[in-house]
Structure formats: C-alpha cells, structure tokens
Amino acid sequence: MRVPFSPLPIFGAFLLFIVLSAPARATLDLFPGESWNPGTDGVLAPSANYTVDLSLAPTGNWNSVPPTSGYGVYDPEKRAVVFKYQSVYIPTGVTVTFKNHVSRASVVWLVDGNVDIRGTLSVNGSAFENQTGKYSQPGPGGFRGGAGQLQTLGTSMGLGPGGGGDSGNRYGVYSGNTTNPDASSYGNEQVIPLLGGSGGGSSVGYGGGSGGGAILIASTESVSLTGTIKANGGASYSDNQLAGSGGAVRIITDSYSGTGYVYSNCSDYFTSDQRNGRIRIENKTGTFTGTCSPVASRSLPGTPPLIWLPATYPSVKVTSIGGVNTPASPMSREDFPNTDVNLTGSAGLVTVLAEAKNMPAPVGWAVRLRIVPRSGGDSSTAMTYVSGNATSSIWKADVALPDGLVFLQVRASKQ
C-alpha cells in the first residue's frame, strides 16, 4: 500500500547563536581619577629563581613612566621603589628575592591585574655577620643589624626605631610589647607608613641579625597565594638574642584567596610576640585559608584604598648636624666619604636640629635623638622645642658625637 507523501513546506535555514555575556570583572580602583600609568613595568613571570635589583631603579615620581620597563621607580618622598606591573605570576619552585636600593627603600607592587604566587616571595633580612666588621643587610625597607666585632672595633648596636641597644637583650623590636630596655615597638596595624623591621645589636665576636623588609602588594583584581611570602628578620648566632625583628607585608586587593603562608617573624627559625613584624590584609571578596604568622590585621579596602602616607601625617627628620644641612633624601651610607654628612674639627658639643611637621608641638609630644656609633654603645637624649607651630616646628639637641661613623635617628611620640 502506497503511503501518500505530503511534502513539508521548505523554510530558509537559520543558525541560532546565543551569546552569553561574561559577568563584569571585579576590580578595585587603586587611584580614582588619578593618572598613574598602570602596567608600565610589564609582566613579572620568572621561570627560575630571580633577584629583583632595586639599585637599578631610576629616581622619579612613583606614577611616572619609567625610562626602562621592569626596573620600577625610586620615589624619595615615598621612600619606596615602586613597580607598576600588568600581572605577577611566581610559579611553584621559583623564589623571588631582592637586592637593596642604596637607600634600602621599601618595595611597592601596584598591579593592574592578577597576582598569583605559587612559589616564594622573600624580603627576608640577612643573618648576623661573624667577626667581619660589617653590618648585616636588611630586607628592603628594613634596618641593619649591628656590625660584628673586628680587631680594634668594638660591638655596635642595631639600627631602626626598634634597634637593639647597649643593655639587656639586644634583639630588634617591631610590633608587640617588650621588656627590652633598649628598644620599643613602633608603627601601627595598618602598616602606614610602610616600614620594615629593626636590627639586633652585636656582642663580642658576633653581629646582630638585620630587620625583615617591607613589601606592599596592591592588585586591582585578585591575589592568589598558595605559596609563601616571607619578611622575616635575620637570625643571630645561637639563641636569637641578637636577632633582627620581622618586617612587614601588606596586601590590598578585590579578591584574596589561597592556602599559602605569610611570615613576618623574628627569623626563619624563631617567633616572638616582642620581635615579630606586621601583616595587613585588605580585601573585599575571596577566602584565604592559609597561615599568617603573626596573625594579620584585616579590613575592607578603603574607598579609595590608602596606599601612601597622608600629607597631614605627623613626621620628624634631622635637618642639620653641626651647621651642615642633611640631604633631602638621606641614604644612611656607611662607606666613607660617601656618608650623608661629613664633619671635621667638631670636637665638643654639636648642635643637631630636627623639623617636625603636622605635630601640635610642643604640647603633648616628645622628640628624642638616638646616637648610634659604629663602635660602642648607643645613647638617647631628649630634643627641646625651639620654634614653630603645628604645621612645622624646629627641635634642638646639643650632643657630643664620638669620632668615626655615627648614625643619628630621631623619633617623635605622642604623650
């Protein structure tokens, strides 16, 4: 039986394309309304162990276009070597370390993209120098440990706001309360300004460990950490009584995740509440289930994020020693005659002047000057208010400086 066949109407063929729009990329605007030339240092993605040479960074404004991509820019006002990367990827098994800028400035990564750290990122300070007469070198942004004794040169003390001094335990201090009579904690949990750890003082035959460095990683998109970030202080020869303090790690991003580790301890082998550094995490989304030692302070990023020290922040610096002006950007070098200030025929008392800004002096504030010679114990003296107002004031101390290399540190504290 023949089945009748009824032809179907023929229509034109159509292909249907369904376009699914991707969700909008979550981003964090680091500098709203500001032209900061993002990505001008390209991509950081080393395939083998890599040392970032900060000494190659040209001097300029942090937001300028660097003359050579990949070297960053040293901004004296920010006291940082600033890199503006497109993205960062440190693969498993790869370690990224740093060679100091002559100023020992901190490191800032401004990343207009993702940061993925599966290997190791280290701004650790170096361990003690044994009978070399050399200061141990900190991680970038940290402070040197006391030089080991060498022949006629005696012991020396640690540098930095919490540098180990001449009595009691000579370890360096950063965060936490301490019974160390020679050093006290400094900074704040926001890690603003970005400061590293302080050095330990030396003893007979052994130098002090240096302070851990300081690094800020700010990403417009995400930071994934399944590897390790280290800002540990330098170890001392045995029981860490001469060790440098931990440094600082600050992370700002939209999304922060991973199972990795962030360390800012007294050393790779030792932790101490008195000697640990600081860790700060600011993110909107993401789940980080890794380990921070010490425990990180946490918050949402500001709107906008606070990257740089505010212009209204109190500050103090030495401006004149024995009538000789200090450089605008002191380097605290130890290779005579390339020191910041050279004095001759200066026997007797030397007048040291310091300028304080945004400090309603002299009510409620104290300014102290620490004197750290290359050989011998350190000392500290109160500076007296001379003139000025809350915007800018001058402070003075008449001190006897020993012959040879001397480091001067000034510190203001609210009473």
Protein backbone atom coordinates (compact mmCIF):
# COMPACT_ATOMS: atom_id res chain seq x y z
CA MET A 1 0.00 0.00 0.00
CA ARG A 2 1.41 3.22 -1.02
CA VAL A 3 1.56 5.86 1.66
CA PRO A 4 0.69 9.24 0.42
CA PHE A 5 3.55 11.69 0.71
CA SER A 6 2.86 15.25 1.62
CA PRO A 7 5.87 17.46 1.18
CA LEU A 8 6.65 19.81 4.08
CA PRO A 9 6.99 23.42 3.36
CA ILE A 10 10.58 24.44 2.97
CA PHE A 11 11.77 27.39 5.03
CA GLY A 12 15.08 29.12 4.90
CA ALA A 13 17.69 27.61 7.27
CA PHE A 14 18.57 29.64 10.31
CA LEU A 15 21.51 29.25 12.74
CA LEU A 16 20.82 30.47 16.21
CA PHE A 17 23.76 32.00 18.10
CA ILE A 18 23.30 32.51 21.81
CA VAL A 19 25.80 34.96 23.23
CA LEU A 20 26.26 34.70 26.97
CA SER A 21 27.87 37.81 28.37
CA ALA A 22 30.56 37.16 30.98
CA PRO A 23 29.99 38.68 34.39
CA ALA A 24 31.62 42.03 34.87
CA ARG A 25 35.20 41.74 36.11
CA ALA A 26 35.52 42.73 39.75
CA THR A 27 38.13 45.40 40.10
CA LEU A 28 39.47 47.68 42.76
CA ASP A 29 40.22 51.25 41.71
CA LEU A 30 43.52 51.99 43.43
CA PHE A 31 43.75 55.65 42.41
CA PRO A 32 40.35 57.02 41.34
CA GLY A 33 40.63 59.93 38.95
CA GLU A 34 44.42 59.78 39.03
CA SER A 35 46.72 59.04 36.10
CA TRP A 36 49.25 56.55 37.45
CA ASN A 37 50.42 54.84 34.22
CA PRO A 38 49.48 51.28 35.20
CA GLY A 39 51.32 48.31 33.73
CA THR A 40 54.41 50.23 32.58
CA ASP A 41 56.74 47.63 34.14
CA GLY A 42 55.17 44.83 32.13
CA VAL A 43 54.57 41.29 33.40
CA LEU A 44 56.59 39.66 36.18
CA ALA A 45 56.62 35.92 35.48
CA PRO A 46 60.05 34.39 36.15
CA SER A 47 60.59 30.76 35.18
CA ALA A 48 63.58 30.31 37.52
CA ASN A 49 64.83 31.86 40.76
CA TYR A 50 65.03 35.60 40.23
CA THR A 51 66.56 38.56 42.09
CA VAL A 52 64.95 41.97 41.54
CA ASP A 53 67.79 44.51 41.56
CA LEU A 54 66.33 47.59 43.22
CA SER A 55 69.58 49.50 42.71
CA LEU A 56 68.68 49.80 39.01
CA ALA A 57 65.54 51.83 39.72
CA PRO A 58 65.80 55.41 38.39
CA THR A 59 64.78 58.22 40.73
CA GLY A 60 61.49 59.97 39.96
CA ASN A 61 57.83 60.25 40.85
CA TRP A 62 56.16 56.94 41.57
CA ASN A 63 53.42 57.47 38.96
CA SER A 64 55.76 58.44 36.10
CA VAL A 65 56.58 56.24 33.12
CA PRO A 66 59.94 54.57 33.85
CA PRO A 67 62.64 55.07 31.19
CA THR A 68 63.21 51.30 31.18
CA SER A 69 60.37 48.87 31.79
CA GLY A 70 60.84 46.40 34.62
CA TYR A 71 63.16 48.45 36.85
CA GLY A 72 60.49 50.35 38.76
CA VAL A 73 60.98 53.91 40.04
CA TYR A 74 62.59 55.04 43.30
CA ASP A 75 60.47 57.81 44.80
CA PRO A 76 62.43 59.54 47.61
CA GLU A 77 59.30 61.19 49.02
CA LYS A 78 57.52 57.84 49.32
CA ARG A 79 60.75 56.12 50.39
CA ALA A 80 59.88 53.21 48.13
CA VAL A 81 60.84 51.52 44.88
CA VAL A 82 57.52 51.32 43.04
CA PHE A 83 56.72 48.78 40.30
CA LYS A 84 53.59 49.07 38.15
CA TYR A 85 53.07 45.58 36.76
CA GLN A 86 50.41 44.27 34.38
CA SER A 87 50.33 40.99 36.32
CA VAL A 88 52.52 38.84 38.55
CA TYR A 89 52.98 35.07 38.39
CA ILE A 90 55.54 33.24 40.55
CA PRO A 91 55.34 29.52 39.72
CA THR A 92 55.88 26.62 42.09
CA GLY A 93 59.56 26.05 42.87
CA VAL A 94 60.59 29.61 41.98
CA THR A 95 61.87 32.10 44.57
CA VAL A 96 61.89 35.87 44.00
CA THR A 97 64.29 37.89 46.18
CA PHE A 98 65.61 41.47 46.14
CA LYS A 99 68.89 43.35 46.03
CA ASN A 100 68.63 46.57 48.04
CA HIS A 101 68.46 50.07 46.66
CA VAL A 102 71.21 52.21 48.20
CA SER A 103 68.51 53.88 50.34
CA ARG A 104 67.22 50.48 51.49
CA ALA A 105 63.76 51.64 50.46
CA SER A 106 60.64 49.51 50.78
CA VAL A 107 59.04 47.72 47.82
CA VAL A 108 55.61 48.57 46.39
CA TRP A 109 53.90 46.49 43.68
CA LEU A 110 50.93 48.21 42.01
CA VAL A 111 49.42 45.52 39.80
CA ASP A 112 46.74 46.28 37.21
CA GLY A 113 45.70 42.64 37.01
CA ASN A 114 46.06 39.36 38.90
CA VAL A 115 48.79 38.28 41.31
CA ASP A 116 49.38 34.53 41.56
CA ILE A 117 52.12 33.42 43.97
CA ARG A 118 52.71 29.67 43.97
CA GLY A 119 56.41 29.82 44.75
CA THR A 120 58.21 32.04 47.28
CA LEU A 121 58.46 35.81 47.54
CA SER A 122 61.10 36.87 50.07
CA VAL A 123 62.10 40.21 51.60
CA ASN A 124 63.88 38.49 54.49
CA GLY A 125 66.67 40.23 56.36
CA SER A 126 70.12 38.65 56.39
CA ALA A 127 71.64 36.82 59.35
CA PHE A 128 74.46 38.07 61.57
CA GLU A 129 77.96 38.82 60.29
CA ASN A 130 80.58 36.91 62.28
CA GLN A 131 83.77 38.89 63.04
CA THR A 132 83.68 40.74 59.72
CA GLY A 133 83.16 44.27 60.95
CA LYS A 134 80.19 44.56 58.59
CA TYR A 135 76.58 45.42 59.28
CA SER A 136 74.09 42.71 58.33
CA GLN A 137 71.90 43.96 55.50
CA PRO A 138 68.12 44.10 55.92
CA GLY A 139 65.38 43.23 53.55
CA PRO A 140 64.27 46.28 51.52
CA GLY A 141 62.62 48.74 53.86
CA GLY A 142 64.26 47.23 56.96
CA PHE A 143 67.20 48.31 59.11
CA ARG A 144 70.71 46.93 59.58
CA GLY A 145 71.91 44.67 62.36
CA GLY A 146 74.93 45.65 64.46
CA ALA A 147 78.35 45.04 62.92
CA GLY A 148 80.37 42.12 64.21
CA GLN A 149 83.44 42.94 66.27
CA LEU A 150 86.64 43.25 64.25
CA GLN A 151 90.09 43.77 65.82
CA THR A 152 90.05 47.21 67.48
CA LEU A 153 86.44 47.92 66.57
CA GLY A 154 84.06 47.05 69.37
CA THR A 155 80.47 45.93 69.26
CA SER A 156 77.77 48.09 67.66
CA MET A 157 74.05 48.44 68.10
CA GLY A 158 71.14 47.66 65.81
CA LEU A 159 69.60 50.36 63.62
CA GLY A 160 65.95 51.32 63.21
CA PRO A 161 63.19 52.64 65.51
CA GLY A 162 63.35 49.37 67.49
CA GLY A 163 67.07 48.69 67.06
CA GLY A 164 68.75 46.61 69.76
CA GLY A 165 70.81 48.78 72.12
CA ASP A 166 73.60 48.53 74.64
CA SER A 167 71.97 46.98 77.68
CA GLY A 168 69.94 43.88 78.32
CA ASN A 169 68.81 41.79 75.36
CA ARG A 170 69.95 43.36 72.11
CA TYR A 171 67.34 41.95 69.78
CA GLY A 172 65.42 44.20 67.38
CA VAL A 173 61.79 45.05 68.05
CA TYR A 174 58.87 45.99 65.76
CA SER A 175 55.35 45.11 66.93
CA GLY A 176 54.28 43.96 70.35
CA ASN A 177 55.11 44.99 73.87
CA THR A 178 58.64 44.37 75.06
CA THR A 179 60.72 44.42 78.22
CA ASN A 180 63.81 45.23 76.17
CA PRO A 181 65.19 48.43 77.77
CA ASP A 182 66.86 49.44 74.51
CA ALA A 183 64.01 49.28 72.02
CA SER A 184 60.29 49.87 71.81
CA SER A 185 57.56 48.94 69.36
CA TYR A 186 56.62 51.26 66.51
CA GLY A 187 54.27 51.55 63.56
CA ASN A 188 50.61 50.53 63.55
CA GLU A 189 48.41 47.65 62.41
CA GLN A 190 47.53 49.47 59.17
CA VAL A 191 51.24 49.34 58.21
CA ILE A 192 51.17 53.00 57.21
CA PRO A 193 53.88 54.11 56.69
CA LEU A 194 55.43 51.00 55.11
CA LEU A 195 58.35 50.23 57.43
CA GLY A 196 60.46 47.10 57.82
CA GLY A 197 61.99 45.53 60.91
CA SER A 198 64.84 46.79 63.09
CA GLY A 199 68.27 45.24 63.55
CA GLY A 200 69.67 43.47 66.58
CA GLY A 201 72.78 44.75 68.34
CA SER A 202 76.08 42.86 68.24
CA SER A 203 78.05 41.24 71.02
CA VAL A 204 81.68 40.20 71.37
CA GLY A 205 82.54 38.30 68.22
CA TYR A 206 79.05 38.20 66.73
CA GLY A 207 76.98 40.69 64.77
CA GLY A 208 73.26 41.27 65.06
CA GLY A 209 70.66 39.99 62.65
CA SER A 210 69.05 42.57 60.36
CA GLY A 211 65.40 43.57 60.17
CA GLY A 212 62.98 41.95 57.77
CA GLY A 213 61.94 44.01 54.75
CA ALA A 214 58.64 45.64 53.87
CA ILE A 215 56.50 44.99 50.78
CA LEU A 216 53.08 46.24 49.70
CA ILE A 217 51.18 44.30 47.03
CA ALA A 218 48.16 46.17 45.70
CA SER A 219 46.16 44.48 42.92
CA THR A 220 43.16 45.84 41.06
CA GLU A 221 41.78 42.30 40.63
CA SER A 222 42.95 39.40 42.78
CA VAL A 223 45.77 37.95 44.83
CA SER A 224 46.04 34.17 44.99
CA LEU A 225 48.60 32.80 47.42
CA THR A 226 49.28 29.08 47.51
CA GLY A 227 53.00 29.63 48.02
CA THR A 228 54.86 31.70 50.61
CA ILE A 229 55.60 35.35 51.33
CA LYS A 230 58.41 35.93 53.85
CA ALA A 231 59.52 39.12 55.62
CA ASN A 232 61.42 37.52 58.48
CA GLY A 233 64.24 39.14 60.41
CA GLY A 234 67.81 37.90 60.26
CA ALA A 235 68.87 35.27 62.77
CA SER A 236 71.62 35.65 65.35
CA TYR A 237 74.31 33.09 66.04
CA SER A 238 72.52 30.92 68.60
CA ASP A 239 69.53 31.88 70.73
CA ASN A 240 68.24 34.84 68.74
CA GLN A 241 69.05 37.34 71.49
CA LEU A 242 70.73 39.40 68.76
CA ALA A 243 68.17 38.72 66.02
CA GLY A 244 66.50 41.35 63.88
CA SER A 245 62.77 41.82 64.09
CA GLY A 246 60.28 40.72 61.49
CA GLY A 247 59.34 43.15 58.73
CA ALA A 248 56.00 43.98 57.13
CA VAL A 249 53.68 42.56 54.46
CA ARG A 250 50.62 44.47 53.30
CA ILE A 251 48.16 43.15 50.69
CA ILE A 252 45.34 45.23 49.14
CA THR A 253 43.06 43.66 46.54
CA ASP A 254 39.49 42.96 45.48
CA SER A 255 39.71 39.17 45.91
CA TYR A 256 42.19 37.36 48.18
CA SER A 257 42.34 33.58 48.27
CA GLY A 258 44.64 30.60 48.67
CA THR A 259 46.10 28.18 51.18
CA GLY A 260 49.59 29.62 51.43
CA TYR A 261 51.74 31.24 54.09
CA VAL A 262 52.72 34.77 55.11
CA TYR A 263 55.56 35.13 57.61
CA SER A 264 56.91 38.20 59.37
CA ASN A 265 58.73 36.60 62.28
CA CYS A 266 61.89 37.23 64.23
CA SER A 267 63.68 34.77 61.93
CA ASP A 268 63.03 31.72 59.77
CA TYR A 269 63.51 29.58 62.86
CA PHE A 270 62.05 31.60 65.71
CA THR A 271 58.93 33.57 66.58
CA SER A 272 58.35 36.04 69.39
CA ASP A 273 55.50 38.40 70.12
CA GLN A 274 58.04 41.05 71.06
CA ARG A 275 60.12 40.70 67.92
CA ASN A 276 57.60 39.81 65.23
CA GLY A 277 56.71 42.16 62.40
CA ARG A 278 53.34 43.14 60.96
CA ILE A 279 50.94 41.66 58.39
CA ARG A 280 47.98 43.56 56.97
CA ILE A 281 45.31 42.16 54.59
CA GLU A 282 42.64 44.36 52.95
CA ASN A 283 40.22 42.68 50.56
CA LYS A 284 36.55 42.68 49.51
CA THR A 285 35.95 39.06 48.50
CA GLY A 286 37.64 35.66 48.41
CA THR A 287 38.57 33.15 51.07
CA PHE A 288 42.13 32.80 52.28
CA THR A 289 42.52 29.69 54.44
CA GLY A 290 46.29 29.77 54.76
CA THR A 291 48.54 30.81 57.65
CA CYS A 292 49.77 34.24 58.76
CA SER A 293 52.46 34.44 61.44
CA PRO A 294 51.96 36.71 63.32
CA VAL A 295 48.20 36.92 62.91
CA ALA A 296 47.27 39.50 60.28
CA SER A 297 45.10 42.52 60.92
CA ARG A 298 42.19 42.52 58.46
CA SER A 299 39.83 45.08 56.95
CA LEU A 300 38.00 46.07 53.80
CA PRO A 301 39.99 48.32 51.48
CA GLY A 302 39.27 52.00 51.90
CA THR A 303 37.38 53.96 49.26
CA PRO A 304 39.82 54.65 47.79
CA PRO A 305 42.47 52.39 49.36
CA LEU A 306 45.02 54.28 51.41
CA ILE A 307 48.31 53.48 49.65
CA TRP A 308 50.52 56.38 50.64
CA LEU A 309 51.11 58.20 53.87
CA PRO A 310 48.67 61.15 54.07
CA ALA A 311 50.23 64.59 53.64
CA THR A 312 48.80 65.56 57.05
CA TYR A 313 50.52 62.69 58.86
CA PRO A 314 52.94 63.73 61.65
CA SER A 315 56.61 63.32 60.74
CA VAL A 316 60.03 64.34 62.02
CA LYS A 317 63.50 64.30 60.46
CA VAL A 318 67.02 65.56 61.22
CA THR A 319 67.73 68.61 59.07
CA SER A 320 71.11 69.87 60.30
CA ILE A 321 74.15 68.44 62.11
CA GLY A 322 76.87 70.79 63.32
CA GLY A 323 75.64 73.50 60.96
CA VAL A 324 75.71 71.19 57.93
CA ASN A 325 72.36 70.56 56.26
CA THR A 326 71.37 66.95 55.76
CA PRO A 327 70.39 65.81 52.23
CA ALA A 328 66.72 65.88 51.27
CA SER A 329 66.86 62.12 50.78
CA PRO A 330 69.40 60.72 53.29
CA MET A 331 70.87 57.33 52.40
CA SER A 332 72.47 56.48 55.76
CA ARG A 333 75.51 55.13 53.94
CA GLU A 334 78.46 53.66 55.79
CA ASP A 335 81.10 53.83 53.02
CA PHE A 336 83.12 56.94 53.99
CA PRO A 337 83.45 59.52 52.46
CA ASN A 338 80.03 58.87 50.87
CA THR A 339 78.19 59.46 54.13
CA ASP A 340 75.29 61.91 54.33
CA VAL A 341 77.20 64.47 56.41
CA ASN A 342 80.95 64.78 56.97
CA LEU A 343 82.13 66.87 59.92
CA THR A 344 85.70 67.97 60.59
CA GLY A 345 87.15 69.73 63.60
CA SER A 346 83.91 69.17 65.50
CA ALA A 347 85.27 68.42 68.98
CA GLY A 348 82.89 69.25 71.78
CA LEU A 349 79.14 69.63 71.56
CA VAL A 350 77.44 69.51 68.18
CA THR A 351 74.04 71.07 67.55
CA VAL A 352 71.51 68.77 65.89
CA LEU A 353 68.30 70.28 64.52
CA ALA A 354 65.17 68.40 63.57
CA GLU A 355 61.98 69.53 61.83
CA ALA A 356 58.61 68.16 62.86
CA LYS A 357 55.53 68.52 60.64
CA ASN A 358 51.82 68.24 61.44
CA MET A 359 52.64 67.93 65.12
CA PRO A 360 50.98 70.37 67.56
CA ALA A 361 54.26 70.95 69.34
CA PRO A 362 55.34 71.19 71.98
CA VAL A 363 52.17 70.26 73.84
CA GLY A 364 51.62 66.51 74.10
CA TRP A 365 54.65 65.42 72.08
CA ALA A 366 58.20 64.32 72.87
CA VAL A 367 61.12 64.12 70.43
CA ARG A 368 64.20 62.04 71.16
CA LEU A 369 67.50 61.70 69.32
CA ARG A 370 69.30 58.36 69.29
CA ILE A 371 73.06 58.29 68.69
CA VAL A 372 74.46 55.01 67.37
CA PRO A 373 78.26 54.96 66.83
CA ARG A 374 79.96 52.31 64.75
CA SER A 375 81.84 51.13 67.79
CA GLY A 376 80.44 51.22 71.30
CA GLY A 377 77.10 51.67 72.97
CA ASP A 378 74.24 53.85 71.85
CA SER A 379 72.67 56.74 73.75
CA SER A 380 69.46 58.74 73.63
CA THR A 381 68.66 62.33 74.53
CA ALA A 382 65.54 64.49 74.58
CA MET A 383 65.32 67.25 71.99
CA THR A 384 63.88 70.60 73.05
CA TYR A 385 61.31 72.67 71.19
CA VAL A 386 62.80 75.82 69.63
CA SER A 387 60.12 77.45 67.49
CA GLY A 388 57.26 76.90 65.06
CA ASN A 389 53.68 75.77 65.12
CA ALA A 390 51.52 72.73 64.47
CA THR A 391 52.37 72.82 60.77
CA SER A 392 56.15 72.94 61.18
CA SER A 393 58.37 73.19 64.25
CA ILE A 394 62.10 73.06 65.00
CA TRP A 395 63.65 70.95 67.75
CA LYS A 396 67.24 71.02 69.02
CA ALA A 397 69.79 68.93 70.92
CA ASP A 398 73.43 69.70 71.75
CA VAL A 399 75.29 66.40 71.83
CA ALA A 400 78.84 65.08 71.95
CA LEU A 401 79.44 62.89 68.92
CA PRO A 402 82.22 60.29 69.03
CA ASP A 403 84.84 60.16 66.29
CA GLY A 404 84.15 57.95 63.31
CA LEU A 405 80.94 56.74 61.76
CA VAL A 406 77.80 57.71 63.68
CA PHE A 407 74.13 57.11 62.86
CA LEU A 408 71.50 59.55 64.12
CA GLN A 409 67.86 58.58 64.49
CA VAL A 410 65.06 60.90 65.56
CA ARG A 411 61.68 59.79 66.81
CA ALA A 412 58.58 61.64 67.95
CA SER A 413 55.96 60.13 70.21
CA LYS A 414 52.64 61.37 71.49
CA GLN A 415 52.49 61.59 75.25
